Amino acid sequence: MNAHAGFTIAYIEAQWHSDILAPGKQAFARRMKAKGIDEDRIHFFTVPGAFEIPLFARRLAASGRYDAIAGAAFVVDGGIYRHDFVASTVVDALMRVQLDANVPVFSMVLTPHHFHEHAAHLQFFKDHFSIKGSELADACMQQLLNLEALDHHRVETLT
């Protein structure tokens, strides 16, 4: 058994564009499994949209049950708001959650410059999220191991 199989991770996904996000979630789970994290150690949550991810992440972090939290959303121009503002606000809030809670929080909240709901764009972004899901898992595991090593080093230094 992998020594790091004990990590528990929360994965929060916005329900908007869930068909585009699904490959990212699947790639994340596959890569984490390849790194020794069993699927039952990854808890998946769905929130209405990207804006709801930070508060949910904050509550999960405060629970003390998660070693890391990841948020995923696909924020597109809806015509009535600035999608880049929404994505930026969400990512900024996730950073604040991470720093305030001392729990690593990762973002796969992406916003395209141009998005049109036709087959080619849908497939392009599904493929893109598949890549990003694997990258998210890599970043998550690396940071968890880095923090674990840092904590271990502190214990050795203090004793």
N, C-alpha and C. Protein backbone atom coordinates (compact mmCIF):
# COMPACT_ATOMS: atom_id res chain seq x y z
N MET A 1 0.83 -1.18 0.00
CA MET A 1 0.00 0.00 0.00
C MET A 1 0.88 1.24 0.00
N ASN A 2 0.50 2.26 -0.76
CA ASN A 2 1.24 3.50 -0.85
C ASN A 2 1.19 4.22 0.49
N ALA A 3 2.31 4.76 0.89
CA ALA A 3 2.39 5.46 2.17
C ALA A 3 1.51 6.72 2.18
N HIS A 4 1.14 7.22 1.02
CA HIS A 4 0.37 8.45 0.93
C HIS A 4 -1.09 8.19 0.59
N ALA A 5 -1.51 6.94 0.68
CA ALA A 5 -2.90 6.60 0.36
C ALA A 5 -3.86 7.18 1.38
N GLY A 6 -3.34 7.68 2.50
CA GLY A 6 -4.19 8.24 3.54
C GLY A 6 -4.66 9.66 3.27
N PHE A 7 -4.13 10.30 2.26
CA PHE A 7 -4.61 11.65 1.93
C PHE A 7 -6.08 11.59 1.54
N THR A 8 -6.83 12.55 2.01
CA THR A 8 -8.24 12.67 1.62
C THR A 8 -8.42 14.00 0.91
N ILE A 9 -9.04 13.95 -0.25
CA ILE A 9 -9.14 15.12 -1.11
C ILE A 9 -10.60 15.39 -1.45
N ALA A 10 -10.96 16.66 -1.40
CA ALA A 10 -12.29 17.10 -1.83
C ALA A 10 -12.18 17.71 -3.22
N TYR A 11 -13.10 17.33 -4.07
CA TYR A 11 -13.14 17.84 -5.45
C TYR A 11 -14.52 18.47 -5.64
N ILE A 12 -14.53 19.79 -5.85
CA ILE A 12 -15.79 20.53 -6.00
C ILE A 12 -15.93 20.94 -7.46
N GLU A 13 -17.09 20.63 -8.02
CA GLU A 13 -17.31 20.94 -9.43
C GLU A 13 -18.60 21.74 -9.59
N ALA A 14 -18.53 22.80 -10.40
CA ALA A 14 -19.71 23.56 -10.74
C ALA A 14 -20.57 22.73 -11.70
N GLN A 15 -21.88 22.81 -11.54
CA GLN A 15 -22.74 21.99 -12.40
C GLN A 15 -22.91 22.56 -13.80
N TRP A 16 -22.66 23.86 -13.96
CA TRP A 16 -22.72 24.42 -15.31
C TRP A 16 -21.65 23.77 -16.18
N HIS A 17 -22.00 23.36 -17.36
CA HIS A 17 -21.08 22.73 -18.32
C HIS A 17 -20.46 21.44 -17.78
N SER A 18 -21.24 20.69 -17.03
CA SER A 18 -20.72 19.45 -16.43
C SER A 18 -20.25 18.46 -17.50
N ASP A 19 -20.83 18.52 -18.69
CA ASP A 19 -20.38 17.63 -19.76
C ASP A 19 -18.96 17.96 -20.21
N ILE A 20 -18.61 19.22 -20.17
CA ILE A 20 -17.25 19.63 -20.53
C ILE A 20 -16.28 19.35 -19.39
N LEU A 21 -16.74 19.49 -18.16
CA LEU A 21 -15.90 19.27 -16.99
C LEU A 21 -15.65 17.79 -16.70
N ALA A 22 -16.56 16.93 -17.13
CA ALA A 22 -16.48 15.50 -16.79
C ALA A 22 -15.13 14.86 -17.14
N PRO A 23 -14.56 15.12 -18.31
CA PRO A 23 -13.26 14.50 -18.60
C PRO A 23 -12.15 14.94 -17.64
N GLY A 24 -12.24 16.17 -17.14
CA GLY A 24 -11.25 16.64 -16.17
C GLY A 24 -11.37 15.90 -14.85
N LYS A 25 -12.59 15.73 -14.41
CA LYS A 25 -12.85 14.99 -13.17
C LYS A 25 -12.38 13.54 -13.30
N GLN A 26 -12.68 12.92 -14.42
CA GLN A 26 -12.27 11.53 -14.64
C GLN A 26 -10.75 11.41 -14.71
N ALA A 27 -10.11 12.35 -15.39
CA ALA A 27 -8.64 12.32 -15.49
C ALA A 27 -8.00 12.54 -14.13
N PHE A 28 -8.58 13.44 -13.33
CA PHE A 28 -8.09 13.69 -11.98
C PHE A 28 -8.15 12.40 -11.16
N ALA A 29 -9.30 11.74 -11.18
CA ALA A 29 -9.48 10.50 -10.40
C ALA A 29 -8.53 9.41 -10.87
N ARG A 30 -8.38 9.26 -12.18
CA ARG A 30 -7.46 8.24 -12.73
C ARG A 30 -6.03 8.49 -12.30
N ARG A 31 -5.59 9.74 -12.42
CA ARG A 31 -4.20 10.07 -12.09
C ARG A 31 -3.96 9.91 -10.59
N MET A 32 -4.91 10.32 -9.78
CA MET A 32 -4.74 10.16 -8.33
C MET A 32 -4.67 8.68 -7.97
N LYS A 33 -5.49 7.87 -8.62
CA LYS A 33 -5.44 6.43 -8.37
C LYS A 33 -4.07 5.87 -8.75
N ALA A 34 -3.53 6.34 -9.88
CA ALA A 34 -2.20 5.90 -10.31
C ALA A 34 -1.12 6.33 -9.31
N LYS A 35 -1.40 7.39 -8.55
CA LYS A 35 -0.45 7.88 -7.55
C LYS A 35 -0.69 7.26 -6.18
N GLY A 36 -1.64 6.33 -6.09
CA GLY A 36 -1.86 5.60 -4.84
C GLY A 36 -3.02 6.10 -4.00
N ILE A 37 -3.80 7.03 -4.51
CA ILE A 37 -4.96 7.53 -3.77
C ILE A 37 -6.19 6.77 -4.25
N ASP A 38 -6.78 5.97 -3.39
CA ASP A 38 -7.97 5.22 -3.75
C ASP A 38 -9.14 6.17 -3.98
N GLU A 39 -10.05 5.76 -4.85
CA GLU A 39 -11.20 6.60 -5.19
C GLU A 39 -12.04 6.95 -3.97
N ASP A 40 -12.09 6.07 -2.98
CA ASP A 40 -12.89 6.38 -1.80
C ASP A 40 -12.25 7.46 -0.93
N ARG A 41 -11.03 7.87 -1.26
CA ARG A 41 -10.35 8.96 -0.55
C ARG A 41 -10.55 10.30 -1.25
N ILE A 42 -11.25 10.29 -2.38
CA ILE A 42 -11.59 11.52 -3.09
C ILE A 42 -13.10 11.69 -3.00
N HIS A 43 -13.51 12.78 -2.39
CA HIS A 43 -14.94 13.04 -2.21
C HIS A 43 -15.36 14.11 -3.21
N PHE A 44 -16.34 13.78 -4.03
CA PHE A 44 -16.80 14.66 -5.09
C PHE A 44 -18.06 15.40 -4.66
N PHE A 45 -18.06 16.71 -4.90
CA PHE A 45 -19.19 17.56 -4.56
C PHE A 45 -19.56 18.40 -5.78
N THR A 46 -20.83 18.73 -5.89
CA THR A 46 -21.30 19.59 -6.97
C THR A 46 -21.98 20.81 -6.36
N VAL A 47 -21.65 21.97 -6.90
CA VAL A 47 -22.28 23.22 -6.50
C VAL A 47 -22.91 23.84 -7.75
N PRO A 48 -23.83 24.79 -7.57
CA PRO A 48 -24.52 25.34 -8.75
C PRO A 48 -23.59 25.95 -9.80
N GLY A 49 -22.67 26.79 -9.38
CA GLY A 49 -21.78 27.46 -10.33
C GLY A 49 -20.43 27.75 -9.73
N ALA A 50 -19.59 28.41 -10.49
CA ALA A 50 -18.23 28.72 -10.05
C ALA A 50 -18.23 29.59 -8.80
N PHE A 51 -19.14 30.55 -8.73
CA PHE A 51 -19.17 31.47 -7.61
C PHE A 51 -19.40 30.76 -6.28
N GLU A 52 -20.01 29.62 -6.31
CA GLU A 52 -20.32 28.88 -5.08
C GLU A 52 -19.16 28.01 -4.59
N ILE A 53 -18.14 27.84 -5.40
CA ILE A 53 -17.03 26.96 -5.03
C ILE A 53 -16.25 27.47 -3.81
N PRO A 54 -15.87 28.75 -3.74
CA PRO A 54 -15.03 29.18 -2.60
C PRO A 54 -15.67 28.98 -1.22
N LEU A 55 -16.92 29.31 -1.06
CA LEU A 55 -17.55 29.12 0.25
C LEU A 55 -17.62 27.65 0.61
N PHE A 56 -17.96 26.82 -0.37
CA PHE A 56 -18.01 25.38 -0.13
C PHE A 56 -16.61 24.88 0.26
N ALA A 57 -15.59 25.37 -0.45
CA ALA A 57 -14.21 24.99 -0.15
C ALA A 57 -13.83 25.43 1.26
N ARG A 58 -14.26 26.61 1.63
CA ARG A 58 -13.96 27.12 2.97
C ARG A 58 -14.57 26.23 4.05
N ARG A 59 -15.81 25.84 3.84
CA ARG A 59 -16.48 24.97 4.82
C ARG A 59 -15.81 23.59 4.89
N LEU A 60 -15.44 23.07 3.73
CA LEU A 60 -14.75 21.78 3.71
C LEU A 60 -13.40 21.88 4.43
N ALA A 61 -12.68 22.97 4.17
CA ALA A 61 -11.38 23.16 4.82
C ALA A 61 -11.55 23.25 6.33
N ALA A 62 -12.58 23.97 6.78
CA ALA A 62 -12.83 24.14 8.21
C ALA A 62 -13.22 22.83 8.89
N SER A 63 -13.72 21.87 8.11
CA SER A 63 -14.13 20.60 8.70
C SER A 63 -12.94 19.79 9.21
N GLY A 64 -11.76 20.07 8.69
CA GLY A 64 -10.57 19.33 9.09
C GLY A 64 -10.46 17.94 8.50
N ARG A 65 -11.38 17.58 7.61
CA ARG A 65 -11.38 16.22 7.04
C ARG A 65 -10.57 16.08 5.77
N TYR A 66 -10.10 17.21 5.21
CA TYR A 66 -9.47 17.14 3.89
C TYR A 66 -8.04 17.66 3.92
N ASP A 67 -7.17 16.91 3.26
CA ASP A 67 -5.78 17.30 3.12
C ASP A 67 -5.59 18.29 1.99
N ALA A 68 -6.50 18.27 1.03
CA ALA A 68 -6.46 19.19 -0.11
C ALA A 68 -7.86 19.31 -0.68
N ILE A 69 -8.08 20.43 -1.34
CA ILE A 69 -9.38 20.70 -1.97
C ILE A 69 -9.11 21.22 -3.38
N ALA A 70 -9.88 20.72 -4.34
CA ALA A 70 -9.77 21.18 -5.72
C ALA A 70 -11.12 21.69 -6.19
N GLY A 71 -11.09 22.77 -6.93
CA GLY A 71 -12.32 23.33 -7.49
C GLY A 71 -12.23 23.34 -9.01
N ALA A 72 -13.35 22.98 -9.67
CA ALA A 72 -13.37 22.93 -11.13
C ALA A 72 -14.62 23.62 -11.66
N ALA A 73 -14.40 24.47 -12.66
CA ALA A 73 -15.52 25.14 -13.31
C ALA A 73 -15.08 25.58 -14.70
N PHE A 74 -16.05 25.75 -15.56
CA PHE A 74 -15.82 26.28 -16.90
C PHE A 74 -16.70 27.52 -17.01
N VAL A 75 -16.07 28.68 -16.95
CA VAL A 75 -16.79 29.94 -16.91
C VAL A 75 -16.73 30.58 -18.29
N VAL A 76 -17.89 30.68 -18.93
CA VAL A 76 -17.94 31.24 -20.29
C VAL A 76 -18.75 32.54 -20.30
N ASP A 77 -18.56 33.28 -21.34
CA ASP A 77 -19.27 34.55 -21.52
C ASP A 77 -20.75 34.27 -21.72
N GLY A 78 -21.53 34.66 -20.72
CA GLY A 78 -22.98 34.45 -20.81
C GLY A 78 -23.71 35.63 -21.39
N GLY A 79 -22.98 36.67 -21.76
CA GLY A 79 -23.60 37.82 -22.38
C GLY A 79 -24.08 38.88 -21.41
N ILE A 80 -24.24 38.53 -20.12
CA ILE A 80 -24.74 39.52 -19.17
C ILE A 80 -23.74 39.81 -18.06
N TYR A 81 -22.61 39.15 -18.06
CA TYR A 81 -21.58 39.44 -17.08
C TYR A 81 -20.22 39.18 -17.71
N ARG A 82 -19.19 39.70 -17.07
CA ARG A 82 -17.83 39.48 -17.56
C ARG A 82 -17.31 38.16 -17.03
N HIS A 83 -17.23 37.17 -17.89
CA HIS A 83 -16.80 35.84 -17.44
C HIS A 83 -15.39 35.85 -16.89
N ASP A 84 -14.51 36.68 -17.43
CA ASP A 84 -13.15 36.74 -16.91
C ASP A 84 -13.13 37.30 -15.49
N PHE A 85 -14.03 38.22 -15.18
CA PHE A 85 -14.14 38.75 -13.82
C PHE A 85 -14.60 37.66 -12.86
N VAL A 86 -15.59 36.89 -13.28
CA VAL A 86 -16.10 35.81 -12.42
C VAL A 86 -14.98 34.81 -12.13
N ALA A 87 -14.28 34.35 -13.16
CA ALA A 87 -13.21 33.37 -12.96
C ALA A 87 -12.11 33.94 -12.07
N SER A 88 -11.73 35.18 -12.29
CA SER A 88 -10.69 35.81 -11.49
C SER A 88 -11.12 35.93 -10.03
N THR A 89 -12.36 36.30 -9.81
CA THR A 89 -12.88 36.43 -8.45
C THR A 89 -12.88 35.09 -7.73
N VAL A 90 -13.28 34.05 -8.43
CA VAL A 90 -13.33 32.71 -7.84
C VAL A 90 -11.92 32.23 -7.49
N VAL A 91 -10.98 32.40 -8.39
CA VAL A 91 -9.62 31.95 -8.14
C VAL A 91 -9.00 32.74 -6.98
N ASP A 92 -9.25 34.04 -6.93
CA ASP A 92 -8.76 34.85 -5.82
C ASP A 92 -9.34 34.37 -4.49
N ALA A 93 -10.63 34.08 -4.49
CA ALA A 93 -11.28 33.60 -3.27
C ALA A 93 -10.72 32.24 -2.85
N LEU A 94 -10.44 31.37 -3.81
CA LEU A 94 -9.84 30.08 -3.47
C LEU A 94 -8.46 30.25 -2.86
N MET A 95 -7.70 31.21 -3.34
CA MET A 95 -6.40 31.49 -2.75
C MET A 95 -6.55 31.95 -1.30
N ARG A 96 -7.53 32.79 -1.05
CA ARG A 96 -7.77 33.26 0.32
C ARG A 96 -8.16 32.09 1.22
N VAL A 97 -8.99 31.19 0.72
CA VAL A 97 -9.37 30.01 1.51
C VAL A 97 -8.12 29.22 1.88
N GLN A 98 -7.27 29.00 0.90
CA GLN A 98 -6.04 28.24 1.13
C GLN A 98 -5.18 28.89 2.20
N LEU A 99 -4.97 30.17 2.09
CA LEU A 99 -4.10 30.86 3.04
C LEU A 99 -4.73 30.97 4.42
N ASP A 100 -6.03 31.20 4.48
CA ASP A 100 -6.70 31.33 5.78
C ASP A 100 -6.84 29.99 6.49
N ALA A 101 -7.10 28.94 5.74
CA ALA A 101 -7.36 27.62 6.35
C ALA A 101 -6.11 26.76 6.48
N ASN A 102 -5.03 27.14 5.81
CA ASN A 102 -3.80 26.35 5.81
C ASN A 102 -4.03 24.95 5.24
N VAL A 103 -4.93 24.88 4.26
CA VAL A 103 -5.21 23.65 3.53
C VAL A 103 -4.97 23.97 2.06
N PRO A 104 -4.18 23.17 1.34
CA PRO A 104 -3.97 23.47 -0.07
C PRO A 104 -5.27 23.40 -0.87
N VAL A 105 -5.49 24.45 -1.65
CA VAL A 105 -6.69 24.54 -2.49
C VAL A 105 -6.22 24.77 -3.92
N PHE A 106 -6.73 23.96 -4.81
CA PHE A 106 -6.30 24.00 -6.21
C PHE A 106 -7.45 24.43 -7.10
N SER A 107 -7.10 25.09 -8.19
CA SER A 107 -8.13 25.58 -9.10
C SER A 107 -7.98 24.99 -10.49
N MET A 108 -9.09 24.48 -10.97
CA MET A 108 -9.23 24.15 -12.38
C MET A 108 -10.45 24.94 -12.88
N VAL A 109 -10.48 26.20 -12.49
CA VAL A 109 -11.52 27.12 -12.93
C VAL A 109 -10.95 27.83 -14.15
N LEU A 110 -11.47 27.47 -15.29
CA LEU A 110 -10.93 27.97 -16.55
C LEU A 110 -11.98 28.78 -17.30
N THR A 111 -11.50 29.76 -18.02
CA THR A 111 -12.39 30.57 -18.83
C THR A 111 -11.74 30.79 -20.20
N PRO A 112 -12.46 30.47 -21.26
CA PRO A 112 -11.89 30.65 -22.61
C PRO A 112 -12.07 32.10 -23.08
N HIS A 113 -11.20 32.50 -23.99
CA HIS A 113 -11.39 33.81 -24.62
C HIS A 113 -12.61 33.79 -25.53
N HIS A 114 -12.76 32.71 -26.22
CA HIS A 114 -13.89 32.57 -27.14
C HIS A 114 -14.46 31.16 -27.00
N PHE A 115 -15.75 31.07 -26.85
CA PHE A 115 -16.39 29.77 -26.76
C PHE A 115 -17.70 29.81 -27.52
N HIS A 116 -17.87 28.84 -28.35
CA HIS A 116 -19.11 28.68 -29.11
C HIS A 116 -19.54 27.23 -28.95
N GLU A 117 -20.81 27.02 -28.67
CA GLU A 117 -21.28 25.66 -28.41
C GLU A 117 -21.53 24.90 -29.70
N HIS A 118 -20.45 24.63 -30.41
CA HIS A 118 -20.54 23.75 -31.57
C HIS A 118 -19.60 22.57 -31.33
N ALA A 119 -19.77 21.54 -32.09
CA ALA A 119 -19.09 20.26 -31.83
C ALA A 119 -17.58 20.41 -31.68
N ALA A 120 -16.95 21.20 -32.54
CA ALA A 120 -15.49 21.33 -32.49
C ALA A 120 -15.03 21.97 -31.19
N HIS A 121 -15.70 23.04 -30.75
CA HIS A 121 -15.32 23.69 -29.50
C HIS A 121 -15.62 22.80 -28.30
N LEU A 122 -16.75 22.16 -28.31
CA LEU A 122 -17.09 21.26 -27.20
C LEU A 122 -16.03 20.19 -27.04
N GLN A 123 -15.64 19.57 -28.14
CA GLN A 123 -14.63 18.51 -28.07
C GLN A 123 -13.28 19.06 -27.66
N PHE A 124 -12.91 20.23 -28.18
CA PHE A 124 -11.63 20.85 -27.82
C PHE A 124 -11.55 21.06 -26.31
N PHE A 125 -12.60 21.63 -25.72
CA PHE A 125 -12.55 21.92 -24.29
C PHE A 125 -12.68 20.66 -23.44
N LYS A 126 -13.40 19.66 -23.90
CA LYS A 126 -13.43 18.38 -23.18
C LYS A 126 -12.02 17.78 -23.14
N ASP A 127 -11.34 17.80 -24.28
CA ASP A 127 -9.98 17.29 -24.35
C ASP A 127 -9.04 18.12 -23.46
N HIS A 128 -9.24 19.43 -23.47
CA HIS A 128 -8.41 20.33 -22.66
C HIS A 128 -8.60 20.03 -21.17
N PHE A 129 -9.83 19.83 -20.75
CA PHE A 129 -10.08 19.52 -19.34
C PHE A 129 -9.50 18.16 -18.96
N SER A 130 -9.47 17.24 -19.88
CA SER A 130 -8.85 15.94 -19.59
C SER A 130 -7.37 16.13 -19.25
N ILE A 131 -6.70 16.95 -20.02
CA ILE A 131 -5.29 17.25 -19.76
C ILE A 131 -5.15 17.98 -18.43
N LYS A 132 -6.00 18.98 -18.22
CA LYS A 132 -5.92 19.78 -17.00
C LYS A 132 -6.24 18.95 -15.76
N GLY A 133 -7.13 17.98 -15.87
CA GLY A 133 -7.44 17.11 -14.74
C GLY A 133 -6.23 16.32 -14.29
N SER A 134 -5.47 15.80 -15.24
CA SER A 134 -4.23 15.09 -14.90
C SER A 134 -3.22 16.03 -14.29
N GLU A 135 -3.10 17.23 -14.86
CA GLU A 135 -2.16 18.21 -14.32
C GLU A 135 -2.56 18.63 -12.90
N LEU A 136 -3.85 18.77 -12.68
CA LEU A 136 -4.36 19.12 -11.36
C LEU A 136 -3.98 18.04 -10.34
N ALA A 137 -4.14 16.80 -10.71
CA ALA A 137 -3.77 15.69 -9.81
C ALA A 137 -2.28 15.71 -9.51
N ASP A 138 -1.47 15.96 -10.53
CA ASP A 138 -0.02 16.03 -10.33
C ASP A 138 0.34 17.15 -9.36
N ALA A 139 -0.25 18.32 -9.57
CA ALA A 139 0.03 19.47 -8.69
C ALA A 139 -0.43 19.20 -7.27
N CYS A 140 -1.60 18.62 -7.15
CA CYS A 140 -2.16 18.32 -5.83
C CYS A 140 -1.24 17.36 -5.07
N MET A 141 -0.86 16.29 -5.70
CA MET A 141 -0.01 15.30 -5.03
C MET A 141 1.35 15.88 -4.70
N GLN A 142 1.94 16.63 -5.63
CA GLN A 142 3.25 17.21 -5.37
C GLN A 142 3.21 18.17 -4.18
N GLN A 143 2.17 18.99 -4.12
CA GLN A 143 2.07 19.93 -3.00
C GLN A 143 1.82 19.20 -1.68
N LEU A 144 0.99 18.18 -1.70
CA LEU A 144 0.77 17.40 -0.48
C LEU A 144 2.06 16.77 0.01
N LEU A 145 2.84 16.22 -0.90
CA LEU A 145 4.13 15.62 -0.52
C LEU A 145 5.11 16.69 -0.04
N ASN A 146 5.11 17.85 -0.71
CA ASN A 146 5.98 18.95 -0.28
C ASN A 146 5.64 19.39 1.14
N LEU A 147 4.35 19.57 1.40
CA LEU A 147 3.93 20.02 2.73
C LEU A 147 4.21 18.96 3.79
N GLU A 148 4.01 17.70 3.42
CA GLU A 148 4.31 16.61 4.35
C GLU A 148 5.80 16.61 4.70
N ALA A 149 6.64 16.79 3.67
CA ALA A 149 8.09 16.82 3.92
C ALA A 149 8.46 18.03 4.76
N LEU A 150 7.84 19.16 4.50
CA LEU A 150 8.09 20.37 5.29
C LEU A 150 7.70 20.15 6.75
N ASP A 151 6.53 19.57 6.97
CA ASP A 151 6.09 19.29 8.33
C ASP A 151 7.03 18.31 9.03
N HIS A 152 7.46 17.29 8.30
CA HIS A 152 8.39 16.31 8.88
C HIS A 152 9.72 16.98 9.24
N HIS A 153 10.20 17.83 8.37
CA HIS A 153 11.46 18.54 8.63
C HIS A 153 11.33 19.42 9.87
N ARG A 154 10.20 20.08 10.03
CA ARG A 154 10.00 20.92 11.21
C ARG A 154 10.03 20.08 12.48
N VAL A 155 9.41 18.91 12.44
CA VAL A 155 9.39 18.04 13.62
C VAL A 155 10.82 17.62 13.97
N GLU A 156 11.58 17.24 12.97
CA GLU A 156 12.97 16.84 13.22
C GLU A 156 13.79 17.99 13.76
N THR A 157 13.54 19.19 13.26
CA THR A 157 14.31 20.36 13.70
C THR A 157 13.97 20.71 15.15
N LEU A 158 12.70 20.56 15.51
CA LEU A 158 12.28 20.94 16.87
C LEU A 158 12.64 19.89 17.92
N THR A 159 12.87 18.67 17.54
CA THR A 159 13.15 17.65 18.54
C THR A 159 14.62 17.41 18.73
